[in-house]
Amino acid sequence: AEEAAAAAVEQVLSDGGTLLWQRYLERKAWGFAADAAVNAIASGVKLCFVPHDEGERQEGEAWDVEEEPEPGVIDSWAR
């Protein structure tokens, strides 16, 4: 009788421990999945808005297209 009772208690404790562990993992999985999703979205947004250096702009300096330079003198090596 004692052996049967000990086996029953052992089974109840084992099954209870398994259920508690599964519930613990389910709670942790939700938080982990949410953190992973937020981190992935934040990384994507950071890639869209990469900071850049404005540079040192001089007064009156324009970024227009310059005129094409004059071609060099043709020498004996040119074909």
N, C-alpha and C. Protein backbone atom coordinates (compact mmCIF):
# COMPACT_ATOMS: atom_id res chain seq x y z
N ALA A 1 0.82 -1.18 0.00
CA ALA A 1 0.00 0.00 0.00
C ALA A 1 0.87 1.25 0.00
N GLU A 2 1.97 1.20 0.78
CA GLU A 2 2.86 2.35 0.84
C GLU A 2 3.55 2.59 -0.50
N GLU A 3 3.91 1.49 -1.15
CA GLU A 3 4.56 1.61 -2.45
C GLU A 3 3.61 2.23 -3.48
N ALA A 4 2.35 1.83 -3.45
CA ALA A 4 1.36 2.37 -4.38
C ALA A 4 1.13 3.84 -4.10
N ALA A 5 1.08 4.21 -2.82
CA ALA A 5 0.88 5.62 -2.46
C ALA A 5 2.09 6.44 -2.87
N ALA A 6 3.29 5.91 -2.65
CA ALA A 6 4.51 6.62 -3.05
C ALA A 6 4.57 6.79 -4.56
N ALA A 7 4.14 5.76 -5.30
CA ALA A 7 4.13 5.84 -6.76
C ALA A 7 3.11 6.88 -7.22
N ALA A 8 1.96 6.93 -6.56
CA ALA A 8 0.93 7.90 -6.93
C ALA A 8 1.41 9.32 -6.65
N VAL A 9 2.03 9.52 -5.48
CA VAL A 9 2.56 10.84 -5.15
C VAL A 9 3.65 11.24 -6.13
N GLU A 10 4.52 10.31 -6.48
CA GLU A 10 5.59 10.57 -7.44
C GLU A 10 5.01 10.95 -8.81
N GLN A 11 3.95 10.25 -9.22
CA GLN A 11 3.31 10.54 -10.51
C GLN A 11 2.66 11.92 -10.49
N VAL A 12 1.98 12.27 -9.40
CA VAL A 12 1.33 13.58 -9.28
C VAL A 12 2.39 14.69 -9.30
N LEU A 13 3.46 14.51 -8.56
CA LEU A 13 4.52 15.51 -8.53
C LEU A 13 5.20 15.65 -9.90
N SER A 14 5.42 14.53 -10.55
CA SER A 14 6.07 14.56 -11.87
C SER A 14 5.18 15.26 -12.90
N ASP A 15 3.89 14.88 -12.93
CA ASP A 15 2.97 15.51 -13.88
C ASP A 15 2.77 17.00 -13.55
N GLY A 16 2.69 17.33 -12.27
CA GLY A 16 2.55 18.73 -11.87
C GLY A 16 3.76 19.55 -12.26
N GLY A 17 4.95 18.98 -12.06
CA GLY A 17 6.17 19.68 -12.46
C GLY A 17 6.23 19.90 -13.96
N THR A 18 5.79 18.90 -14.72
CA THR A 18 5.77 19.02 -16.18
C THR A 18 4.81 20.12 -16.61
N LEU A 19 3.62 20.15 -16.00
CA LEU A 19 2.65 21.20 -16.34
C LEU A 19 3.16 22.59 -15.97
N LEU A 20 3.77 22.70 -14.79
CA LEU A 20 4.32 23.99 -14.40
C LEU A 20 5.41 24.43 -15.36
N TRP A 21 6.28 23.53 -15.79
CA TRP A 21 7.35 23.86 -16.71
C TRP A 21 6.80 24.30 -18.07
N GLN A 22 5.76 23.61 -18.55
CA GLN A 22 5.14 23.99 -19.82
C GLN A 22 4.51 25.37 -19.74
N ARG A 23 3.82 25.67 -18.66
CA ARG A 23 3.22 27.00 -18.48
C ARG A 23 4.29 28.08 -18.41
N TYR A 24 5.38 27.78 -17.73
CA TYR A 24 6.51 28.73 -17.62
C TYR A 24 7.07 29.03 -19.00
N LEU A 25 7.28 27.98 -19.80
CA LEU A 25 7.81 28.19 -21.16
C LEU A 25 6.84 28.96 -22.04
N GLU A 26 5.54 28.71 -21.89
CA GLU A 26 4.55 29.44 -22.67
C GLU A 26 4.57 30.93 -22.34
N ARG A 27 4.70 31.27 -21.05
CA ARG A 27 4.78 32.68 -20.65
C ARG A 27 6.05 33.32 -21.19
N LYS A 28 7.16 32.61 -21.12
CA LYS A 28 8.43 33.16 -21.61
C LYS A 28 8.43 33.29 -23.13
N ALA A 29 7.81 32.35 -23.83
CA ALA A 29 7.81 32.36 -25.30
C ALA A 29 7.09 33.60 -25.82
N TRP A 30 6.00 34.02 -25.21
CA TRP A 30 5.26 35.20 -25.66
C TRP A 30 6.12 36.45 -25.55
N GLY A 31 6.79 36.62 -24.43
CA GLY A 31 7.65 37.79 -24.24
C GLY A 31 8.82 37.79 -25.20
N PHE A 32 9.42 36.61 -25.40
CA PHE A 32 10.55 36.51 -26.33
C PHE A 32 10.12 36.83 -27.75
N ALA A 33 8.98 36.29 -28.17
CA ALA A 33 8.51 36.55 -29.53
C ALA A 33 8.19 38.03 -29.72
N ALA A 34 7.59 38.65 -28.72
CA ALA A 34 7.28 40.07 -28.83
C ALA A 34 8.56 40.91 -28.90
N ASP A 35 9.55 40.59 -28.06
CA ASP A 35 10.82 41.32 -28.10
C ASP A 35 11.53 41.15 -29.43
N ALA A 36 11.52 39.93 -29.96
CA ALA A 36 12.17 39.67 -31.24
C ALA A 36 11.49 40.45 -32.37
N ALA A 37 10.16 40.50 -32.35
CA ALA A 37 9.43 41.24 -33.39
C ALA A 37 9.71 42.74 -33.29
N VAL A 38 9.72 43.27 -32.08
CA VAL A 38 10.00 44.70 -31.91
C VAL A 38 11.41 45.03 -32.35
N ASN A 39 12.37 44.19 -32.00
CA ASN A 39 13.76 44.43 -32.42
C ASN A 39 13.92 44.36 -33.94
N ALA A 40 13.22 43.43 -34.58
CA ALA A 40 13.30 43.33 -36.05
C ALA A 40 12.71 44.57 -36.71
N ILE A 41 11.59 45.05 -36.21
CA ILE A 41 10.96 46.24 -36.79
C ILE A 41 11.82 47.47 -36.53
N ALA A 42 12.37 47.59 -35.33
CA ALA A 42 13.22 48.73 -35.01
C ALA A 42 14.48 48.74 -35.88
N SER A 43 15.04 47.57 -36.15
CA SER A 43 16.22 47.50 -37.02
C SER A 43 15.88 47.94 -38.44
N GLY A 44 14.72 47.54 -38.93
CA GLY A 44 14.30 47.96 -40.26
C GLY A 44 14.09 49.46 -40.35
N VAL A 45 13.51 50.04 -39.32
CA VAL A 45 13.30 51.49 -39.31
C VAL A 45 14.64 52.22 -39.25
N LYS A 46 15.58 51.72 -38.45
CA LYS A 46 16.90 52.35 -38.37
C LYS A 46 17.61 52.31 -39.71
N LEU A 47 17.41 51.24 -40.50
CA LEU A 47 18.02 51.17 -41.83
C LEU A 47 17.42 52.21 -42.78
N CYS A 48 16.17 52.56 -42.57
CA CYS A 48 15.53 53.56 -43.43
C CYS A 48 15.99 54.98 -43.11
N PHE A 49 16.42 55.22 -41.92
CA PHE A 49 16.81 56.56 -41.49
C PHE A 49 18.26 56.57 -40.99
N VAL A 50 19.18 56.27 -41.90
CA VAL A 50 20.60 56.23 -41.55
C VAL A 50 21.10 57.67 -41.39
N PRO A 51 21.74 57.99 -40.27
CA PRO A 51 22.26 59.35 -40.10
C PRO A 51 23.44 59.58 -41.06
N HIS A 52 23.57 60.80 -41.52
CA HIS A 52 24.65 61.12 -42.45
C HIS A 52 25.23 62.48 -42.10
N ASP A 53 26.43 62.71 -42.57
CA ASP A 53 27.14 63.95 -42.31
C ASP A 53 26.71 64.99 -43.34
N GLU A 54 26.29 66.13 -42.88
CA GLU A 54 25.85 67.20 -43.78
C GLU A 54 27.03 67.83 -44.51
N GLY A 55 28.23 67.70 -43.97
CA GLY A 55 29.41 68.29 -44.60
C GLY A 55 29.57 69.75 -44.22
N GLU A 56 30.66 70.31 -44.66
CA GLU A 56 30.93 71.72 -44.38
C GLU A 56 30.65 72.53 -45.63
N ARG A 57 29.54 73.19 -45.66
CA ARG A 57 29.13 73.94 -46.83
C ARG A 57 29.63 75.38 -46.70
N GLN A 58 30.29 75.86 -47.74
CA GLN A 58 30.78 77.24 -47.78
C GLN A 58 29.66 78.15 -48.26
N GLU A 59 29.74 79.41 -47.88
CA GLU A 59 28.75 80.39 -48.34
C GLU A 59 28.83 80.53 -49.86
N GLY A 60 27.73 80.45 -50.53
CA GLY A 60 27.68 80.64 -51.96
C GLY A 60 28.12 79.41 -52.75
N GLU A 61 28.51 78.36 -52.09
CA GLU A 61 28.97 77.17 -52.80
C GLU A 61 27.76 76.40 -53.31
N ALA A 62 27.80 76.05 -54.56
CA ALA A 62 26.69 75.32 -55.16
C ALA A 62 27.19 73.96 -55.64
N TRP A 63 26.32 73.01 -55.65
CA TRP A 63 26.68 71.67 -56.10
C TRP A 63 26.17 71.47 -57.53
N ASP A 64 26.47 72.40 -58.38
CA ASP A 64 26.05 72.29 -59.78
C ASP A 64 27.05 71.45 -60.55
N VAL A 65 26.63 71.07 -61.77
CA VAL A 65 27.51 70.29 -62.64
C VAL A 65 28.58 71.22 -63.20
N GLU A 66 29.83 70.79 -63.11
CA GLU A 66 30.93 71.60 -63.62
C GLU A 66 31.06 71.41 -65.13
N GLU A 67 31.77 72.35 -65.74
CA GLU A 67 32.01 72.21 -67.17
C GLU A 67 33.01 71.09 -67.41
N GLU A 68 32.90 70.49 -68.59
CA GLU A 68 33.79 69.38 -68.93
C GLU A 68 35.20 69.91 -69.17
N PRO A 69 36.23 69.22 -68.69
CA PRO A 69 37.60 69.71 -68.88
C PRO A 69 38.06 69.57 -70.34
N GLU A 70 39.06 70.35 -70.68
CA GLU A 70 39.64 70.28 -72.03
C GLU A 70 40.41 68.97 -72.18
N PRO A 71 40.31 68.31 -73.31
CA PRO A 71 41.07 67.07 -73.50
C PRO A 71 42.57 67.35 -73.55
N GLY A 72 43.36 66.37 -73.13
CA GLY A 72 44.81 66.52 -73.12
C GLY A 72 45.39 66.49 -74.52
N VAL A 73 46.64 66.90 -74.62
CA VAL A 73 47.33 66.94 -75.92
C VAL A 73 47.67 65.50 -76.33
N ILE A 74 47.43 65.18 -77.60
CA ILE A 74 47.72 63.85 -78.11
C ILE A 74 49.23 63.75 -78.35
N ASP A 75 49.85 62.70 -77.80
CA ASP A 75 51.29 62.53 -77.96
C ASP A 75 51.56 61.28 -78.79
N SER A 76 52.83 60.85 -78.85
CA SER A 76 53.24 59.73 -79.71
C SER A 76 52.68 58.38 -79.21
N TRP A 77 52.24 58.32 -77.96
CA TRP A 77 51.73 57.07 -77.43
C TRP A 77 50.25 56.87 -77.79
N ALA A 78 49.58 57.91 -78.22
CA ALA A 78 48.17 57.80 -78.55
C ALA A 78 47.99 57.08 -79.89
N ARG A 79 46.95 56.38 -80.06
CA ARG A 79 46.70 55.71 -81.34
C ARG A 79 45.52 56.32 -82.01
